[in-house]
Amino acid sequence: MSEVRLNAYKIMWLFVFFDLPTNTKTERRNAAGFRNRLLKDGFTMMQYSVYTRHCGSKESADVHSKRVNSMIPQKGHISILRITDKQYGGIINFWGKATTPLQPKPSQLEFF
C-alpha cells in the first residue's frame, strides 16, 4: 500500500468571489440562496461576497468547483480562485479594532 502524505502544495483552498444583483425581491432571494448553498457545501464566509473552502486535494477542489458552477443564479458574476495551502499560509489579514478576526484554518490530519 502506498503512503499518502499531506502536502501543502497539493492541499487546495477555493475562494468564491461573487457580485449578484439584489435590486428585486427575487434577486435578493436568489443571492441569499446562493450564499446558503455555499455554506451547506462547507464554505466559510470570509467577507460578504467572498467565501473560502479547504479541500484536501485537487480532485476535491474539482468536485466543489463543479458544484459551485451548478449553483450559479441566472444573473450575476461568480469567480473561483484556487490556491495551494502553502500559498494560503502567506495570506495577510487586517481587522479594525471593532471587528472579530476570522476563525483559524482547519489543522491538517495525520494518517499512520
N, C-alpha and C. Protein backbone atom coordinates (compact mmCIF):
# COMPACT_ATOMS: atom_id res chain seq x y z
N MET A 1 0.84 -1.18 0.00
CA MET A 1 0.00 0.00 0.00
C MET A 1 0.89 1.24 0.00
N SER A 2 0.58 2.20 -0.85
CA SER A 2 1.41 3.39 -0.94
C SER A 2 1.10 4.35 0.21
N GLU A 3 2.10 5.06 0.62
CA GLU A 3 1.97 6.03 1.70
C GLU A 3 1.38 7.33 1.17
N VAL A 4 0.37 7.83 1.85
CA VAL A 4 -0.25 9.10 1.47
C VAL A 4 0.24 10.16 2.45
N ARG A 5 0.85 11.20 1.93
CA ARG A 5 1.34 12.29 2.77
C ARG A 5 0.62 13.56 2.40
N LEU A 6 0.22 14.28 3.43
CA LEU A 6 -0.39 15.58 3.17
C LEU A 6 0.71 16.55 2.77
N ASN A 7 0.45 17.32 1.78
CA ASN A 7 1.46 18.20 1.22
C ASN A 7 0.84 19.58 1.03
N ALA A 8 1.49 20.59 1.56
CA ALA A 8 0.96 21.96 1.47
C ALA A 8 0.87 22.46 0.04
N TYR A 9 1.49 21.75 -0.91
CA TYR A 9 1.39 22.14 -2.31
C TYR A 9 0.25 21.40 -3.02
N LYS A 10 -0.29 20.35 -2.40
CA LYS A 10 -1.38 19.58 -3.01
C LYS A 10 -2.73 19.88 -2.37
N ILE A 11 -2.71 20.30 -1.12
CA ILE A 11 -3.95 20.69 -0.45
C ILE A 11 -4.38 22.03 -1.03
N MET A 12 -5.66 22.17 -1.33
CA MET A 12 -6.14 23.36 -2.03
C MET A 12 -7.12 24.16 -1.18
N TRP A 13 -7.20 25.42 -1.49
CA TRP A 13 -8.22 26.32 -0.97
C TRP A 13 -8.97 26.90 -2.15
N LEU A 14 -10.29 26.93 -2.04
CA LEU A 14 -11.11 27.57 -3.06
C LEU A 14 -11.63 28.88 -2.51
N PHE A 15 -11.52 29.92 -3.30
CA PHE A 15 -12.12 31.21 -2.98
C PHE A 15 -13.22 31.43 -4.01
N VAL A 16 -14.42 31.73 -3.55
CA VAL A 16 -15.52 32.07 -4.44
C VAL A 16 -15.84 33.54 -4.21
N PHE A 17 -15.68 34.34 -5.26
CA PHE A 17 -15.98 35.77 -5.24
C PHE A 17 -17.23 35.96 -6.07
N PHE A 18 -18.16 36.76 -5.60
CA PHE A 18 -19.35 36.96 -6.41
C PHE A 18 -19.93 38.35 -6.23
N ASP A 19 -20.60 38.76 -7.29
CA ASP A 19 -21.33 40.02 -7.32
C ASP A 19 -22.69 39.68 -7.92
N LEU A 20 -23.69 39.58 -7.07
CA LEU A 20 -25.03 39.20 -7.51
C LEU A 20 -25.98 40.37 -7.34
N PRO A 21 -26.89 40.56 -8.30
CA PRO A 21 -27.84 41.66 -8.18
C PRO A 21 -28.81 41.42 -7.03
N THR A 22 -29.20 42.50 -6.36
CA THR A 22 -30.15 42.41 -5.23
C THR A 22 -31.20 43.51 -5.31
N ASN A 23 -31.55 43.93 -6.52
CA ASN A 23 -32.50 45.02 -6.70
C ASN A 23 -33.94 44.62 -6.46
N THR A 24 -34.28 43.38 -6.79
CA THR A 24 -35.67 42.92 -6.61
C THR A 24 -35.73 41.86 -5.53
N LYS A 25 -36.93 41.56 -5.08
CA LYS A 25 -37.12 40.53 -4.06
C LYS A 25 -36.60 39.18 -4.56
N THR A 26 -36.86 38.87 -5.83
CA THR A 26 -36.40 37.60 -6.41
C THR A 26 -34.88 37.54 -6.46
N GLU A 27 -34.24 38.65 -6.85
CA GLU A 27 -32.78 38.68 -6.89
C GLU A 27 -32.18 38.53 -5.50
N ARG A 28 -32.79 39.17 -4.50
CA ARG A 28 -32.30 39.03 -3.12
C ARG A 28 -32.44 37.58 -2.65
N ARG A 29 -33.55 36.96 -2.98
CA ARG A 29 -33.78 35.55 -2.60
C ARG A 29 -32.76 34.65 -3.30
N ASN A 30 -32.50 34.90 -4.59
CA ASN A 30 -31.51 34.10 -5.32
C ASN A 30 -30.11 34.27 -4.74
N ALA A 31 -29.75 35.50 -4.39
CA ALA A 31 -28.43 35.76 -3.80
C ALA A 31 -28.30 35.07 -2.44
N ALA A 32 -29.33 35.16 -1.61
CA ALA A 32 -29.31 34.50 -0.30
C ALA A 32 -29.25 32.99 -0.47
N GLY A 33 -29.99 32.48 -1.44
CA GLY A 33 -29.95 31.04 -1.70
C GLY A 33 -28.58 30.57 -2.13
N PHE A 34 -27.90 31.34 -2.96
CA PHE A 34 -26.55 31.00 -3.40
C PHE A 34 -25.60 30.97 -2.20
N ARG A 35 -25.66 31.99 -1.36
CA ARG A 35 -24.80 32.02 -0.17
C ARG A 35 -25.09 30.82 0.74
N ASN A 36 -26.37 30.50 0.94
CA ASN A 36 -26.73 29.36 1.80
C ASN A 36 -26.24 28.04 1.22
N ARG A 37 -26.30 27.89 -0.10
CA ARG A 37 -25.80 26.65 -0.72
C ARG A 37 -24.28 26.55 -0.57
N LEU A 38 -23.57 27.69 -0.64
CA LEU A 38 -22.13 27.66 -0.39
C LEU A 38 -21.84 27.18 1.03
N LEU A 39 -22.57 27.72 1.99
CA LEU A 39 -22.38 27.31 3.39
C LEU A 39 -22.68 25.83 3.57
N LYS A 40 -23.74 25.35 2.94
CA LYS A 40 -24.12 23.94 3.04
C LYS A 40 -23.04 23.03 2.44
N ASP A 41 -22.31 23.55 1.45
CA ASP A 41 -21.24 22.78 0.82
C ASP A 41 -19.90 22.92 1.56
N GLY A 42 -19.90 23.54 2.72
CA GLY A 42 -18.69 23.61 3.53
C GLY A 42 -17.85 24.85 3.36
N PHE A 43 -18.36 25.84 2.64
CA PHE A 43 -17.64 27.10 2.50
C PHE A 43 -17.85 27.95 3.76
N THR A 44 -16.92 28.83 4.02
CA THR A 44 -16.99 29.75 5.14
C THR A 44 -16.95 31.17 4.59
N MET A 45 -17.78 32.04 5.15
CA MET A 45 -17.78 33.42 4.69
C MET A 45 -16.53 34.14 5.21
N MET A 46 -15.73 34.66 4.30
CA MET A 46 -14.55 35.44 4.66
C MET A 46 -14.92 36.92 4.68
N GLN A 47 -15.67 37.34 3.67
CA GLN A 47 -16.27 38.66 3.58
C GLN A 47 -17.64 38.44 2.97
N TYR A 48 -18.46 39.46 2.91
CA TYR A 48 -19.84 39.26 2.47
C TYR A 48 -19.95 38.55 1.13
N SER A 49 -19.13 38.87 0.17
CA SER A 49 -19.19 38.24 -1.14
C SER A 49 -17.94 37.43 -1.46
N VAL A 50 -17.25 36.95 -0.42
CA VAL A 50 -16.06 36.12 -0.57
C VAL A 50 -16.18 34.94 0.39
N TYR A 51 -16.20 33.75 -0.17
CA TYR A 51 -16.30 32.53 0.63
C TYR A 51 -15.11 31.64 0.33
N THR A 52 -14.65 30.90 1.34
CA THR A 52 -13.49 30.01 1.18
C THR A 52 -13.85 28.60 1.60
N ARG A 53 -13.12 27.64 1.03
CA ARG A 53 -13.30 26.24 1.41
C ARG A 53 -11.97 25.53 1.30
N HIS A 54 -11.66 24.75 2.33
CA HIS A 54 -10.47 23.91 2.37
C HIS A 54 -10.79 22.61 1.64
N CYS A 55 -9.91 22.20 0.73
CA CYS A 55 -10.09 20.94 0.00
C CYS A 55 -8.80 20.12 0.17
N GLY A 56 -8.95 18.87 0.49
CA GLY A 56 -7.80 18.00 0.75
C GLY A 56 -6.97 17.66 -0.48
N SER A 57 -7.49 17.92 -1.68
CA SER A 57 -6.76 17.57 -2.90
C SER A 57 -7.31 18.37 -4.07
N LYS A 58 -6.60 18.28 -5.19
CA LYS A 58 -7.06 18.92 -6.42
C LYS A 58 -8.38 18.31 -6.87
N GLU A 59 -8.51 17.00 -6.70
CA GLU A 59 -9.74 16.31 -7.10
C GLU A 59 -10.93 16.80 -6.29
N SER A 60 -10.73 17.01 -5.00
CA SER A 60 -11.80 17.56 -4.16
C SER A 60 -12.14 18.98 -4.60
N ALA A 61 -11.13 19.77 -4.93
CA ALA A 61 -11.36 21.14 -5.40
C ALA A 61 -12.15 21.11 -6.71
N ASP A 62 -11.86 20.14 -7.58
CA ASP A 62 -12.61 19.99 -8.83
C ASP A 62 -14.09 19.74 -8.55
N VAL A 63 -14.37 18.83 -7.62
CA VAL A 63 -15.75 18.49 -7.27
C VAL A 63 -16.50 19.73 -6.77
N HIS A 64 -15.88 20.48 -5.87
CA HIS A 64 -16.55 21.64 -5.29
C HIS A 64 -16.66 22.79 -6.30
N SER A 65 -15.70 22.92 -7.20
CA SER A 65 -15.80 23.94 -8.25
C SER A 65 -16.99 23.63 -9.16
N LYS A 66 -17.15 22.37 -9.53
CA LYS A 66 -18.29 21.97 -10.36
C LYS A 66 -19.60 22.19 -9.63
N ARG A 67 -19.59 21.93 -8.33
CA ARG A 67 -20.80 22.13 -7.54
C ARG A 67 -21.18 23.61 -7.50
N VAL A 68 -20.20 24.49 -7.32
CA VAL A 68 -20.47 25.93 -7.33
C VAL A 68 -21.03 26.32 -8.70
N ASN A 69 -20.45 25.79 -9.77
CA ASN A 69 -20.93 26.10 -11.11
C ASN A 69 -22.40 25.71 -11.27
N SER A 70 -22.81 24.63 -10.65
CA SER A 70 -24.20 24.19 -10.77
C SER A 70 -25.17 25.05 -9.95
N MET A 71 -24.65 25.85 -9.02
CA MET A 71 -25.48 26.69 -8.15
C MET A 71 -25.69 28.10 -8.67
N ILE A 72 -24.99 28.50 -9.69
CA ILE A 72 -24.96 29.90 -10.12
C ILE A 72 -26.34 30.40 -10.51
N PRO A 73 -26.77 31.52 -9.93
CA PRO A 73 -28.06 32.10 -10.31
C PRO A 73 -28.05 32.62 -11.75
N GLN A 74 -29.24 32.94 -12.28
CA GLN A 74 -29.39 33.45 -13.65
C GLN A 74 -28.53 34.67 -13.89
N LYS A 75 -28.50 35.61 -12.95
CA LYS A 75 -27.78 36.87 -13.13
C LYS A 75 -26.65 36.98 -12.11
N GLY A 76 -25.63 37.72 -12.49
CA GLY A 76 -24.53 37.97 -11.56
C GLY A 76 -23.22 37.47 -12.11
N HIS A 77 -22.17 37.64 -11.32
CA HIS A 77 -20.82 37.27 -11.71
C HIS A 77 -20.19 36.49 -10.57
N ILE A 78 -19.66 35.30 -10.88
CA ILE A 78 -19.00 34.46 -9.88
C ILE A 78 -17.61 34.11 -10.41
N SER A 79 -16.61 34.21 -9.55
CA SER A 79 -15.24 33.81 -9.88
C SER A 79 -14.76 32.84 -8.83
N ILE A 80 -13.97 31.85 -9.25
CA ILE A 80 -13.37 30.89 -8.32
C ILE A 80 -11.86 30.98 -8.48
N LEU A 81 -11.18 31.14 -7.37
CA LEU A 81 -9.73 31.15 -7.35
C LEU A 81 -9.27 29.94 -6.55
N ARG A 82 -8.33 29.19 -7.10
CA ARG A 82 -7.74 28.04 -6.39
C ARG A 82 -6.31 28.40 -5.99
N ILE A 83 -5.99 28.14 -4.76
CA ILE A 83 -4.60 28.33 -4.32
C ILE A 83 -4.21 27.14 -3.46
N THR A 84 -2.92 26.90 -3.36
CA THR A 84 -2.43 25.80 -2.52
C THR A 84 -2.45 26.22 -1.05
N ASP A 85 -2.38 25.24 -0.19
CA ASP A 85 -2.32 25.51 1.25
C ASP A 85 -1.08 26.33 1.59
N LYS A 86 -0.01 26.07 0.86
CA LYS A 86 1.24 26.83 1.06
C LYS A 86 1.01 28.31 0.74
N GLN A 87 0.33 28.59 -0.36
CA GLN A 87 0.03 29.98 -0.72
C GLN A 87 -0.92 30.61 0.29
N TYR A 88 -1.92 29.85 0.74
CA TYR A 88 -2.87 30.36 1.71
C TYR A 88 -2.16 30.75 3.01
N GLY A 89 -1.11 30.02 3.35
CA GLY A 89 -0.33 30.33 4.55
C GLY A 89 0.30 31.71 4.52
N GLY A 90 0.42 32.30 3.35
CA GLY A 90 1.02 33.62 3.22
C GLY A 90 0.00 34.75 3.25
N ILE A 91 -1.27 34.42 3.48
CA ILE A 91 -2.30 35.46 3.48
C ILE A 91 -2.07 36.42 4.66
N ILE A 92 -2.32 37.68 4.42
CA ILE A 92 -2.19 38.69 5.47
C ILE A 92 -3.57 39.32 5.65
N ASN A 93 -4.10 39.25 6.84
CA ASN A 93 -5.42 39.82 7.15
C ASN A 93 -5.26 40.97 8.14
N PHE A 94 -6.06 41.97 7.97
CA PHE A 94 -6.09 43.10 8.90
C PHE A 94 -7.52 43.28 9.38
N TRP A 95 -7.69 43.58 10.64
CA TRP A 95 -9.01 43.81 11.21
C TRP A 95 -9.03 45.16 11.91
N GLY A 96 -10.14 45.84 11.79
CA GLY A 96 -10.33 47.07 12.55
C GLY A 96 -10.51 46.72 14.02
N LYS A 97 -10.41 47.69 14.88
CA LYS A 97 -10.49 47.45 16.31
C LYS A 97 -11.83 46.89 16.76
N ALA A 98 -12.89 47.19 16.00
CA ALA A 98 -14.23 46.77 16.42
C ALA A 98 -14.69 45.49 15.71
N THR A 99 -13.82 44.81 14.97
CA THR A 99 -14.22 43.60 14.27
C THR A 99 -13.62 42.36 14.90
N THR A 100 -14.19 41.22 14.57
CA THR A 100 -13.73 39.94 15.08
C THR A 100 -12.90 39.23 14.02
N PRO A 101 -11.69 38.76 14.37
CA PRO A 101 -10.86 38.05 13.39
C PRO A 101 -11.54 36.76 12.90
N LEU A 102 -11.10 36.27 11.73
CA LEU A 102 -11.60 35.02 11.17
C LEU A 102 -11.23 33.85 12.06
N GLN A 103 -12.00 32.78 11.93
CA GLN A 103 -11.66 31.55 12.65
C GLN A 103 -10.39 30.97 12.04
N PRO A 104 -9.56 30.27 12.84
CA PRO A 104 -8.34 29.69 12.29
C PRO A 104 -8.67 28.61 11.27
N LYS A 105 -7.75 28.41 10.31
CA LYS A 105 -7.98 27.39 9.29
C LYS A 105 -7.91 26.01 9.93
N PRO A 106 -8.53 24.99 9.30
CA PRO A 106 -8.51 23.65 9.86
C PRO A 106 -7.09 23.11 9.93
N SER A 107 -6.82 22.35 10.97
CA SER A 107 -5.49 21.77 11.09
C SER A 107 -5.41 20.52 10.22
N GLN A 108 -4.22 20.23 9.78
CA GLN A 108 -4.02 19.06 8.93
C GLN A 108 -4.10 17.79 9.77
N LEU A 109 -4.59 16.74 9.13
CA LEU A 109 -4.70 15.44 9.80
C LEU A 109 -3.47 14.61 9.49
N GLU A 110 -3.12 13.74 10.42
CA GLU A 110 -2.03 12.81 10.17
C GLU A 110 -2.62 11.42 10.08
N PHE A 111 -2.16 10.65 9.09
CA PHE A 111 -2.56 9.27 8.94
C PHE A 111 -1.37 8.40 9.24
N PHE A 112 -1.58 7.35 10.01
CA PHE A 112 -0.47 6.47 10.38
C PHE A 112 -0.47 5.22 9.54
